[in-house]
Amino acid sequence: MTATFYTANGMVCSVDQLASSAGVAALRAGGSAVDAAIATNAVLAVTGPHLCGMGGDLFALVHLPGEPVHALNASGRAGSGADAAALRDAGHQSMPLKNHMASVTVPGCVDGWLALHRRFGRLPLSEVFGDAIALAADGFGASPLLAGSAANLAGAVGADDLAAASHAGARVRRPGVARTLAAVAEHGREPFYRGEFGTGLLDLGRGQFSTDDLAVDNAEWVDPVSVRAFGHDVWTLPPNSQGYLLLLSLAIADRLDLPDDTDSPLWAHLLIEASRQAGYDRPDRLFDGADVTALLSEGEVGKRAAAISRQQAGVTAVPADPGDTTYLCTVDSDGMGVSLIQSNAAGFGSGIFEPTTGIGLHNRGLGFNLIPGHPAEYTPGKRPPHTLLPAIATRPDGSLRAIAGTMGGDTQPQIVLQILTRMLRHGQTPGEAIGAPRWRIGNSTGFDTWTHPHPNPIDLESDAPTGWDSLADFGHPTGRVTGLFGHAHAIDVDDHLMRSGAADPRAAISAVATN
């Protein structure tokens, strides 16, 4: 069973013990939960470049006692040279996945850190970034996941630092990243977007980006979206995030009279169908600036819930992409909570590295499409549809109840649906909810999750309840697999303000650290 950790003070959950330790060090130095989140993410940008980094995007939610939930969209836009027609003329039917600058949008991570720190930070950025700078300059031991992934970088220009990650524990130094973090700590965004990294991005883009593109601040405070489900208000980011899929599936599930036994195949069937009903029309619904108010209305939730049979799988189209991302959550002794997710998109992202800093470029542009006139068509200045979705749950009185999220690309809404249902509906601890076996809707190879024909197989985690094999009786083709089920973390806050949290054992190096 996954351990649940308890504290009356601060807590950090992430995929890496070095990162979680940096976050707690920030708390002990008097920093806020936001300082802790930035410190944790900065270390992950150093030690986990196969998951995230300064060349990626960021979304975050911040809860403060007595205030509405704050939502930050720090995802970048396509450059002014974006040209869908040129890609179509070159024979592309969809956005290129790897080794192509068209799938690189302006990275928003650094702007996101700075926006969070300006509003909620207490410590100087030089202190917040201190552990990350030291690890990048002096070296860190490669994790098993990094060592396994780095083998795919042979011949990648600019990835020389990561060649040292030949085996778990190998010492890796990233001096370009250390230099860049130190410059951002001292001078803000200019040395990143207008310095070595920005100059390199312009050179690599060959007209795809302009200096004006890099002058635009990618971090935007937006109104979060929410639904009432299982007696709580659940919050996330509006589009271009796919977070509405989590909200819609939770609201649908709340109407389905779930069995109390989470090992029941009916429990899994109903949540699978809630996910299908929430997401089958995502290609038409998810784009930059989309209004999902009507989708989350009582009438629409009721209509989609009524379409679900308790005996038989529906006929909507639904595969999913595993993706690569990192999620982390923090709370401090004052009750501030942060749900933060940051990503390169697919593994090392585009596979392209800015050569002077060694920072990898994400490929988040893969969320665009090449359909003429479509609202998500690859277009200058647009943000692509995004898989990233942090989540926060509050009680009806506005007090913080839970923070949760996961990596996992298109499976993120499905995984967080299962975790929050276990916590909010069934009263499970974070350790029980995080450690429980999962299902996922399978059979995808890209950001084309909702376009494959039905039926799609349901992947069951290898240790899933034997009863879930009976999902075949509901019309769900099933198979047991390993991997592909995300690295999720969660923190719960009880009525007495005790914090309990768990990090995902699927990551092998996940860590909960407490203050």
Protein backbone atom coordinates (compact mmCIF):
# COMPACT_ATOMS: atom_id res chain seq x y z
CA MET A 1 0.00 0.00 0.00
CA THR A 2 1.21 3.50 -0.80
CA ALA A 3 2.15 5.40 2.35
CA THR A 4 0.19 8.45 3.45
CA PHE A 5 2.29 11.09 5.22
CA TYR A 6 0.88 13.51 7.78
CA THR A 7 1.91 16.93 9.03
CA ALA A 8 0.38 19.96 10.73
CA ASN A 9 2.66 22.28 8.78
CA GLY A 10 3.89 22.31 5.18
CA MET A 11 4.10 19.49 2.65
CA VAL A 12 5.51 18.93 -0.84
CA CYS A 13 4.73 16.00 -3.15
CA SER A 14 6.65 15.50 -6.38
CA VAL A 15 8.24 12.90 -8.60
CA ASP A 16 11.77 13.41 -7.25
CA GLN A 17 13.20 13.41 -3.72
CA LEU A 18 15.71 16.14 -4.56
CA ALA A 19 12.90 18.36 -5.82
CA SER A 20 10.61 17.74 -2.85
CA SER A 21 13.50 18.44 -0.48
CA ALA A 22 14.15 21.77 -2.23
CA GLY A 23 10.50 22.69 -1.79
CA VAL A 24 10.54 21.93 1.92
CA ALA A 25 13.80 23.87 2.32
CA ALA A 26 11.98 26.89 0.89
CA LEU A 27 9.17 26.42 3.42
CA ARG A 28 11.62 26.14 6.31
CA ALA A 29 13.31 29.34 5.18
CA GLY A 30 9.99 31.17 5.56
CA GLY A 31 8.80 30.79 1.99
CA SER A 32 5.23 30.34 0.85
CA ALA A 33 3.71 27.28 -0.79
CA VAL A 34 4.32 29.09 -4.10
CA ASP A 35 8.02 29.50 -3.28
CA ALA A 36 8.08 25.79 -2.48
CA ALA A 37 6.34 24.92 -5.75
CA ILE A 38 8.75 27.02 -7.83
CA ALA A 39 11.78 25.59 -6.01
CA THR A 40 10.48 22.06 -6.59
CA ASN A 41 9.74 22.69 -10.26
CA ALA A 42 13.12 24.35 -10.83
CA VAL A 43 14.93 21.29 -9.50
CA LEU A 44 12.76 19.05 -11.69
CA ALA A 45 13.71 21.21 -14.68
CA VAL A 46 17.31 20.25 -13.90
CA THR A 47 16.97 16.60 -12.88
CA GLY A 48 13.94 15.57 -14.97
CA PRO A 49 14.42 17.02 -18.47
CA HIS A 50 12.68 13.95 -19.90
CA LEU A 51 9.51 15.24 -18.22
CA CYS A 52 9.68 19.01 -17.94
CA GLY A 53 11.97 22.01 -18.18
CA MET A 54 12.42 25.70 -18.88
CA GLY A 55 11.61 25.02 -22.53
CA GLY A 56 8.07 23.85 -21.65
CA ASP A 57 4.74 25.23 -20.43
CA LEU A 58 3.10 25.58 -17.02
CA PHE A 59 -0.37 25.78 -15.45
CA ALA A 60 -1.05 26.40 -11.77
CA LEU A 61 -3.83 26.89 -9.24
CA VAL A 62 -3.29 28.69 -5.95
CA HIS A 63 -5.69 28.57 -2.99
CA LEU A 64 -5.45 31.01 -0.09
CA PRO A 65 -7.81 30.88 2.89
CA GLY A 66 -10.66 33.30 2.40
CA GLU A 67 -9.91 34.01 -1.26
CA PRO A 68 -11.18 32.64 -4.57
CA VAL A 69 -8.95 30.10 -6.33
CA HIS A 70 -6.31 31.82 -8.46
CA ALA A 71 -5.53 30.28 -11.87
CA LEU A 72 -2.42 30.87 -13.98
CA ASN A 73 -2.11 29.92 -17.64
CA ALA A 74 1.57 30.07 -18.60
CA SER A 75 1.36 28.27 -21.92
CA GLY A 76 3.06 29.78 -24.94
CA ARG A 77 1.77 30.67 -28.37
CA ALA A 78 2.68 29.71 -31.91
CA GLY A 79 5.23 32.03 -33.47
CA SER A 80 4.36 34.67 -36.06
CA GLY A 81 5.79 32.38 -38.74
CA ALA A 82 3.32 29.57 -38.06
CA ASP A 83 1.92 28.39 -41.39
CA ALA A 84 -0.55 25.53 -41.54
CA ALA A 85 -0.86 25.79 -45.33
CA ALA A 86 2.88 25.30 -45.75
CA LEU A 87 2.75 22.14 -43.64
CA ARG A 88 -0.16 20.83 -45.67
CA ASP A 89 1.69 21.62 -48.89
CA ALA A 90 4.68 19.68 -47.54
CA GLY A 91 2.48 16.61 -47.15
CA HIS A 92 1.66 16.79 -43.44
CA GLN A 93 -1.84 15.70 -42.44
CA SER A 94 -1.26 16.44 -38.76
CA MET A 95 1.24 18.39 -36.70
CA PRO A 96 4.72 16.82 -36.73
CA LEU A 97 5.55 15.12 -33.45
CA LYS A 98 9.36 15.16 -33.23
CA ASN A 99 12.39 16.98 -34.63
CA HIS A 100 10.36 19.72 -36.27
CA MET A 101 10.22 23.34 -35.11
CA ALA A 102 6.59 23.71 -36.18
CA SER A 103 5.57 21.85 -33.03
CA VAL A 104 7.60 24.21 -30.81
CA THR A 105 5.58 27.07 -29.32
CA VAL A 106 7.12 29.86 -27.24
CA PRO A 107 7.86 28.23 -23.84
CA GLY A 108 5.81 29.68 -20.98
CA CYS A 109 7.44 28.06 -17.94
CA VAL A 110 9.79 30.91 -16.98
CA ASP A 111 7.05 33.53 -17.35
CA GLY A 112 4.88 31.30 -15.17
CA TRP A 113 7.48 31.09 -12.39
CA LEU A 114 7.93 34.84 -12.43
CA ALA A 115 4.19 35.57 -12.35
CA LEU A 116 3.64 33.19 -9.43
CA HIS A 117 6.57 34.66 -7.54
CA ARG A 118 5.51 38.27 -8.11
CA ARG A 119 2.07 37.64 -6.64
CA PHE A 120 2.71 35.07 -3.93
CA GLY A 121 6.46 34.68 -3.33
CA ARG A 122 8.17 35.63 -0.08
CA LEU A 123 11.78 34.61 -0.66
CA PRO A 124 14.15 36.14 -3.23
CA LEU A 125 14.31 34.11 -6.44
CA SER A 126 18.03 33.56 -5.93
CA GLU A 127 17.13 31.58 -2.80
CA VAL A 128 14.16 29.83 -4.40
CA PHE A 129 16.38 28.67 -7.30
CA GLY A 130 19.36 27.96 -5.05
CA ASP A 131 19.10 24.16 -4.92
CA ALA A 132 18.35 23.91 -8.63
CA ILE A 133 21.34 26.09 -9.55
CA ALA A 134 23.66 24.06 -7.30
CA LEU A 135 22.47 20.72 -8.70
CA ALA A 136 22.83 21.93 -12.29
CA ALA A 137 26.32 23.34 -11.68
CA ASP A 138 27.76 20.70 -9.36
CA GLY A 139 25.92 17.66 -10.65
CA PHE A 140 23.25 15.21 -9.57
CA GLY A 141 22.76 11.47 -9.82
CA ALA A 142 20.71 10.45 -12.85
CA SER A 143 17.44 8.77 -11.92
CA PRO A 144 16.61 5.40 -13.49
CA LEU A 145 13.94 7.11 -15.59
CA LEU A 146 16.34 9.76 -16.89
CA ALA A 147 19.04 7.20 -17.63
CA GLY A 148 16.60 5.06 -19.58
CA SER A 149 15.23 8.01 -21.54
CA ALA A 150 18.59 9.67 -22.26
CA ALA A 151 19.61 6.70 -24.38
CA ASN A 152 17.19 8.03 -27.01
CA LEU A 153 19.16 11.28 -27.39
CA ALA A 154 22.13 9.88 -29.30
CA GLY A 155 23.17 12.46 -31.87
CA ALA A 156 20.84 15.21 -30.61
CA VAL A 157 22.61 18.56 -31.01
CA GLY A 158 22.72 20.51 -27.76
CA ALA A 159 21.99 17.52 -25.53
CA ASP A 160 25.65 16.84 -24.73
CA ASP A 161 25.14 17.31 -20.97
CA LEU A 162 22.65 14.49 -20.86
CA ALA A 163 25.00 12.00 -22.50
CA ALA A 164 26.48 11.58 -19.01
CA ALA A 165 23.22 9.94 -17.86
CA SER A 166 24.47 6.56 -19.03
CA HIS A 167 23.15 4.69 -16.01
CA ALA A 168 21.22 5.29 -12.82
CA GLY A 169 23.36 7.26 -10.41
CA ALA A 170 25.68 8.66 -13.08
CA ARG A 171 26.73 12.24 -12.32
CA VAL A 172 25.14 14.78 -14.65
CA ARG A 173 26.08 18.46 -14.81
CA ARG A 174 24.05 21.07 -16.70
CA PRO A 175 26.08 24.31 -16.60
CA GLY A 176 23.95 26.09 -19.21
CA VAL A 177 20.83 25.52 -17.16
CA ALA A 178 22.60 26.70 -14.00
CA ARG A 179 23.74 29.86 -15.78
CA THR A 180 20.24 30.54 -17.11
CA LEU A 181 18.52 30.01 -13.76
CA ALA A 182 20.96 32.37 -12.07
CA ALA A 183 20.37 35.03 -14.74
CA VAL A 184 16.58 34.75 -14.41
CA ALA A 185 16.86 35.01 -10.61
CA GLU A 186 18.83 38.24 -10.93
CA HIS A 187 17.26 39.94 -13.95
CA GLY A 188 13.86 38.31 -14.64
CA ARG A 189 12.62 37.22 -18.08
CA GLU A 190 14.99 39.31 -20.24
CA PRO A 191 18.07 37.05 -20.01
CA PHE A 192 15.90 34.07 -20.91
CA TYR A 193 13.66 35.31 -23.72
CA ARG A 194 16.13 37.91 -25.01
CA GLY A 195 19.39 36.26 -23.94
CA GLU A 196 21.17 33.04 -24.89
CA PHE A 197 18.06 30.89 -24.96
CA GLY A 198 15.92 33.39 -26.87
CA THR A 199 18.64 34.03 -29.44
CA GLY A 200 19.05 30.30 -29.92
CA LEU A 201 15.31 29.83 -30.33
CA LEU A 202 15.21 32.50 -33.04
CA ASP A 203 18.11 30.82 -34.85
CA LEU A 204 16.53 27.38 -34.67
CA GLY A 205 13.16 28.70 -35.83
CA ARG A 206 14.55 30.32 -38.99
CA GLY A 207 11.70 32.78 -39.23
CA GLN A 208 9.17 30.89 -37.19
CA PHE A 209 9.62 33.29 -34.25
CA SER A 210 10.29 37.02 -34.09
CA THR A 211 11.71 39.16 -31.30
CA ASP A 212 8.19 40.53 -30.83
CA ASP A 213 6.91 36.98 -30.22
CA LEU A 214 9.44 36.55 -27.42
CA ALA A 215 8.55 39.94 -25.92
CA VAL A 216 5.00 38.78 -25.11
CA ASP A 217 4.57 37.63 -21.50
CA ASN A 218 3.10 34.14 -21.67
CA ALA A 219 1.73 34.12 -18.11
CA GLU A 220 -1.91 35.14 -17.77
CA TRP A 221 -4.09 35.12 -14.66
CA VAL A 222 -7.47 33.76 -15.71
CA ASP A 223 -10.79 32.87 -14.10
CA PRO A 224 -10.80 29.18 -13.13
CA VAL A 225 -13.69 26.88 -13.98
CA SER A 226 -15.42 24.62 -11.48
CA VAL A 227 -18.23 22.14 -10.86
CA ARG A 228 -19.90 20.82 -7.72
CA ALA A 229 -19.27 17.06 -7.41
CA PHE A 230 -19.38 14.69 -4.46
CA GLY A 231 -20.19 17.57 -2.14
CA HIS A 232 -17.16 19.66 -3.13
CA ASP A 233 -16.26 22.34 -5.64
CA VAL A 234 -13.52 21.13 -7.98
CA TRP A 235 -11.45 23.76 -9.79
CA THR A 236 -9.13 23.77 -12.78
CA LEU A 237 -8.04 25.91 -15.75
CA PRO A 238 -10.32 26.80 -18.68
CA PRO A 239 -9.28 26.10 -22.29
CA ASN A 240 -6.76 25.92 -23.80
CA SER A 241 -6.38 23.38 -20.93
CA GLN A 242 -8.40 20.19 -21.23
CA GLY A 243 -9.28 20.54 -17.52
CA TYR A 244 -12.98 20.84 -18.32
CA LEU A 245 -12.92 17.11 -19.17
CA LEU A 246 -12.11 16.33 -15.53
CA LEU A 247 -14.88 18.62 -14.29
CA LEU A 248 -17.47 17.28 -16.71
CA SER A 249 -16.61 13.64 -15.99
CA LEU A 250 -16.78 14.27 -12.21
CA ALA A 251 -20.15 16.00 -12.51
CA ILE A 252 -21.47 13.13 -14.64
CA ALA A 253 -20.10 10.51 -12.24
CA ASP A 254 -21.79 12.27 -9.32
CA ARG A 255 -25.16 11.52 -10.96
CA LEU A 256 -24.51 7.82 -11.59
CA ASP A 257 -25.10 6.21 -8.17
CA LEU A 258 -21.64 4.66 -7.99
CA PRO A 259 -21.33 1.44 -5.98
CA ASP A 260 -19.47 1.73 -2.68
CA ASP A 261 -17.09 -1.06 -3.70
CA THR A 262 -14.33 0.43 -5.86
CA ASP A 263 -13.26 -3.10 -6.86
CA SER A 264 -16.61 -3.58 -8.56
CA PRO A 265 -16.55 -3.73 -12.37
CA LEU A 266 -19.67 -1.52 -12.30
CA TRP A 267 -17.65 1.22 -10.53
CA ALA A 268 -14.98 1.13 -13.23
CA HIS A 269 -17.58 0.89 -16.03
CA LEU A 270 -19.48 3.96 -14.87
CA LEU A 271 -16.33 6.08 -14.54
CA ILE A 272 -15.12 4.93 -17.96
CA GLU A 273 -18.46 5.93 -19.46
CA ALA A 274 -18.35 9.28 -17.64
CA SER A 275 -14.95 9.90 -19.25
CA ARG A 276 -16.28 8.92 -22.68
CA GLN A 277 -19.29 11.20 -22.37
CA ALA A 278 -17.11 14.08 -21.22
CA GLY A 279 -14.54 13.78 -23.96
CA TYR A 280 -16.01 12.35 -27.14
CA ASP A 281 -16.42 15.81 -28.73
CA ARG A 282 -13.15 17.32 -27.48
CA PRO A 283 -11.68 17.92 -30.98
CA ASP A 284 -14.45 20.45 -31.65
CA ARG A 285 -14.68 21.85 -28.13
CA LEU A 286 -11.06 22.37 -27.02
CA PHE A 287 -9.21 25.36 -28.44
CA ASP A 288 -7.67 28.61 -27.29
CA GLY A 289 -10.42 30.81 -25.85
CA ALA A 290 -13.19 28.19 -25.96
CA ASP A 291 -16.10 28.88 -23.60
CA VAL A 292 -17.06 25.70 -21.74
CA THR A 293 -19.77 27.27 -19.59
CA ALA A 294 -22.57 25.52 -21.46
CA LEU A 295 -20.72 22.20 -21.37
CA LEU A 296 -20.55 22.34 -17.56
CA SER A 297 -24.18 23.39 -17.12
CA GLU A 298 -26.66 21.25 -15.18
CA GLY A 299 -28.62 20.55 -18.34
CA GLU A 300 -25.64 19.33 -20.35
CA VAL A 301 -24.30 17.25 -17.45
CA GLY A 302 -27.73 15.65 -17.04
CA LYS A 303 -28.03 14.90 -20.75
CA ARG A 304 -24.65 13.20 -20.89
CA ALA A 305 -25.25 11.27 -17.68
CA ALA A 306 -28.61 10.05 -19.01
CA ALA A 307 -26.87 8.65 -22.10
CA ILE A 308 -24.91 6.18 -19.94
CA SER A 309 -26.15 2.63 -19.56
CA ARG A 310 -25.35 0.72 -16.38
CA GLN A 311 -25.20 -2.48 -18.42
CA GLN A 312 -23.47 -1.61 -21.69
CA ALA A 313 -20.57 0.46 -23.01
CA GLY A 314 -21.44 3.41 -25.21
CA VAL A 315 -20.29 3.95 -28.77
CA THR A 316 -18.23 7.13 -28.50
CA ALA A 317 -14.67 7.25 -29.85
CA VAL A 318 -11.94 7.43 -27.23
CA PRO A 319 -8.24 6.46 -27.29
CA ALA A 320 -5.59 8.12 -25.12
CA ASP A 321 -1.95 9.17 -25.18
CA PRO A 322 0.39 8.50 -22.25
CA GLY A 323 2.43 11.69 -22.61
CA ASP A 324 5.27 13.02 -20.43
CA THR A 325 4.80 15.72 -17.82
CA THR A 326 5.47 16.42 -14.17
CA TYR A 327 2.94 17.35 -11.53
CA LEU A 328 3.58 18.64 -8.01
CA CYS A 329 1.57 19.99 -5.12
CA THR A 330 2.46 21.99 -2.01
CA VAL A 331 0.84 23.42 1.10
CA ASP A 332 2.30 25.72 3.74
CA SER A 333 1.55 26.32 7.41
CA ASP A 334 -0.63 29.33 6.56
CA GLY A 335 -3.00 27.21 4.50
CA MET A 336 -1.86 28.25 1.02
CA GLY A 337 -2.10 25.36 -1.42
CA VAL A 338 -0.60 25.05 -4.90
CA SER A 339 -1.43 22.64 -7.70
CA LEU A 340 1.18 22.96 -10.46
CA ILE A 341 1.76 21.03 -13.65
CA GLN A 342 4.63 21.57 -16.09
CA SER A 343 5.62 19.70 -19.19
CA ASN A 344 7.73 19.18 -22.28
CA ALA A 345 4.70 17.40 -23.85
CA ALA A 346 6.21 14.17 -25.26
CA GLY A 347 9.26 12.97 -23.33
CA PHE A 348 12.15 15.21 -24.30
CA GLY A 349 9.57 17.26 -26.19
CA SER A 350 10.51 18.02 -29.77
CA GLY A 351 13.89 16.34 -29.37
CA ILE A 352 15.45 19.70 -30.28
CA PHE A 353 17.75 21.47 -27.79
CA GLU A 354 18.82 25.10 -27.68
CA PRO A 355 22.58 24.44 -28.01
CA THR A 356 24.12 27.20 -25.85
CA THR A 357 22.07 26.41 -22.73
CA GLY A 358 21.24 22.75 -23.31
CA ILE A 359 17.56 23.45 -22.63
CA GLY A 360 15.19 21.14 -24.48
CA LEU A 361 12.27 22.56 -26.47
CA HIS A 362 8.81 21.14 -25.89
CA ASN A 363 6.53 20.06 -28.72
CA ARG A 364 3.28 21.38 -27.30
CA GLY A 365 2.29 22.56 -30.77
CA LEU A 366 1.27 18.97 -31.46
CA GLY A 367 -2.08 19.97 -29.96
CA PHE A 368 -2.88 22.07 -33.03
CA ASN A 369 -4.43 20.58 -36.16
CA LEU A 370 -4.07 21.34 -39.88
CA ILE A 371 -7.77 21.50 -40.73
CA PRO A 372 -8.43 24.76 -42.66
CA GLY A 373 -10.61 27.10 -40.64
CA HIS A 374 -10.76 24.89 -37.54
CA PRO A 375 -10.55 26.92 -34.29
CA ALA A 376 -7.53 24.82 -33.26
CA GLU A 377 -5.73 25.20 -36.61
CA TYR A 378 -2.00 25.98 -36.35
CA THR A 379 -2.08 29.79 -36.46
CA PRO A 380 0.29 32.59 -35.39
CA GLY A 381 -0.32 33.85 -31.87
CA LYS A 382 -2.62 31.02 -30.84
CA ARG A 383 -2.14 28.72 -27.87
CA PRO A 384 -2.52 25.03 -28.74
CA PRO A 385 -5.04 22.72 -27.07
CA HIS A 386 -3.29 21.45 -23.94
CA THR A 387 -3.44 18.22 -21.95
CA LEU A 388 -2.20 19.84 -18.72
CA LEU A 389 -4.74 20.16 -15.90
CA PRO A 390 -4.00 20.89 -12.25
CA ALA A 391 -6.91 20.41 -9.82
CA ILE A 392 -8.01 21.75 -6.45
CA ALA A 393 -11.10 20.74 -4.44
CA THR A 394 -12.69 23.03 -1.88
CA ARG A 395 -15.52 22.53 0.59
CA PRO A 396 -18.75 24.48 0.11
CA ASP A 397 -17.46 27.07 2.60
CA GLY A 398 -14.43 27.66 0.37
CA SER A 399 -11.88 25.93 2.60
CA LEU A 400 -9.21 23.79 0.97
CA ARG A 401 -9.98 20.07 0.88
CA ALA A 402 -7.66 18.45 -1.69
CA ILE A 403 -4.99 19.10 -4.31
CA ALA A 404 -4.35 16.51 -7.01
CA GLY A 405 -2.90 15.97 -10.46
CA THR A 406 -0.86 13.66 -12.61
CA MET A 407 1.35 13.36 -15.63
CA GLY A 408 -0.08 11.21 -18.39
CA GLY A 409 -0.99 13.29 -21.42
CA ASP A 410 -4.51 12.60 -22.60
CA THR A 411 -5.11 10.19 -19.71
CA GLN A 412 -4.82 12.95 -17.11
CA PRO A 413 -8.59 13.57 -16.74
CA GLN A 414 -9.20 9.85 -16.39
CA ILE A 415 -6.55 9.36 -13.70
CA VAL A 416 -7.51 12.42 -11.66
CA LEU A 417 -11.18 11.42 -11.96
CA GLN A 418 -10.36 8.10 -10.28
CA ILE A 419 -8.22 9.70 -7.57
CA LEU A 420 -10.68 12.45 -6.63
CA THR A 421 -13.63 10.05 -6.73
CA ARG A 422 -11.82 7.79 -4.30
CA MET A 423 -10.97 10.69 -1.99
CA LEU A 424 -14.17 12.78 -2.19
CA ARG A 425 -16.80 10.07 -2.72
CA HIS A 426 -15.27 7.12 -0.89
CA GLY A 427 -13.21 8.84 1.81
CA GLN A 428 -9.93 7.18 0.90
CA THR A 429 -6.62 8.62 2.13
CA PRO A 430 -4.21 10.07 -0.42
CA GLY A 431 -2.08 6.94 -0.12
CA GLU A 432 -5.06 4.67 -0.77
CA ALA A 433 -6.28 6.75 -3.70
CA ILE A 434 -2.84 7.21 -5.29
CA GLY A 435 -1.79 3.58 -4.78
CA ALA A 436 -5.02 2.03 -6.04
CA PRO A 437 -4.91 0.28 -9.43
CA ARG A 438 -6.15 2.29 -12.40
CA TRP A 439 -7.80 1.85 -15.74
CA ARG A 440 -7.18 3.96 -18.82
CA ILE A 441 -8.80 4.23 -22.23
CA GLY A 442 -6.09 2.98 -24.56
CA ASN A 443 -4.91 2.74 -28.16
CA SER A 444 -3.50 6.14 -29.13
CA THR A 445 -0.26 7.34 -30.67
CA GLY A 446 -0.57 11.13 -30.44
CA PHE A 447 -2.81 14.04 -29.53
CA ASP A 448 -5.59 12.39 -31.52
CA THR A 449 -7.28 10.96 -28.47
CA TRP A 450 -10.90 11.34 -29.45
CA THR A 451 -10.74 10.56 -33.16
CA HIS A 452 -10.18 6.77 -33.28
CA PRO A 453 -13.13 4.50 -34.06
CA HIS A 454 -14.92 2.63 -31.27
CA PRO A 455 -14.37 0.21 -29.64
CA ASN A 456 -11.15 1.11 -27.90
CA PRO A 457 -9.54 -1.22 -25.39
CA ILE A 458 -9.54 -0.47 -21.70
CA ASP A 459 -6.05 -0.92 -20.32
CA LEU A 460 -6.07 -2.28 -16.78
CA GLU A 461 -3.11 -1.91 -14.50
CA SER A 462 -1.46 -5.27 -13.91
CA ASP A 463 -2.65 -5.45 -10.28
CA ALA A 464 -6.19 -4.28 -10.98
CA PRO A 465 -9.01 -6.11 -9.15
CA THR A 466 -9.89 -9.40 -10.77
CA GLY A 467 -13.48 -8.20 -10.94
CA TRP A 468 -12.48 -5.56 -13.47
CA ASP A 469 -11.82 -8.33 -16.00
CA SER A 470 -15.62 -8.54 -16.16
CA LEU A 471 -15.63 -5.17 -17.92
CA ALA A 472 -15.71 -7.29 -21.07
CA ASP A 473 -19.27 -8.21 -20.11
CA PHE A 474 -20.17 -4.51 -20.38
CA GLY A 475 -18.69 -4.35 -23.89
CA HIS A 476 -15.26 -3.00 -22.97
CA PRO A 477 -12.35 -4.90 -24.56
CA THR A 478 -9.75 -5.13 -21.79
CA GLY A 479 -6.14 -6.10 -21.31
CA ARG A 480 -3.69 -5.88 -18.42
CA VAL A 481 -0.61 -3.75 -19.04
CA THR A 482 2.22 -2.10 -17.11
CA GLY A 483 3.15 1.58 -17.30
CA LEU A 484 1.09 4.33 -18.95
CA PHE A 485 -0.86 5.10 -15.78
CA GLY A 486 0.68 8.41 -14.79
CA HIS A 487 2.70 9.69 -11.85
CA ALA A 488 0.05 11.26 -9.62
CA HIS A 489 0.35 13.08 -6.31
CA ALA A 490 -2.25 14.38 -3.86
CA ILE A 491 -2.58 16.31 -0.62
CA ASP A 492 -5.67 16.25 1.58
CA VAL A 493 -6.55 18.78 4.29
CA ASP A 494 -8.97 17.61 7.00
CA ASP A 495 -11.38 19.66 9.10
CA HIS A 496 -8.65 20.16 11.72
CA LEU A 497 -6.16 21.47 9.09
CA MET A 498 -3.99 18.36 9.27
CA ARG A 499 -2.29 17.75 5.94
CA SER A 500 -1.94 14.25 4.53
CA GLY A 501 -0.27 13.44 1.25
CA ALA A 502 1.09 10.76 -1.02
CA ALA A 503 3.35 10.59 -4.05
CA ASP A 504 3.02 7.99 -6.75
CA PRO A 505 5.11 4.82 -6.35
CA ARG A 506 4.84 4.27 -10.11
CA ALA A 507 7.57 6.88 -10.56
CA ALA A 508 10.05 4.85 -8.47
CA ILE A 509 11.64 8.04 -7.09
CA SER A 510 8.57 10.00 -5.96
CA ALA A 511 8.83 11.74 -2.63
CA VAL A 512 6.69 13.44 0.00
CA ALA A 513 8.59 15.88 2.20
CA THR A 514 7.12 17.65 5.21
CA ASN A 515 8.07 20.76 7.12
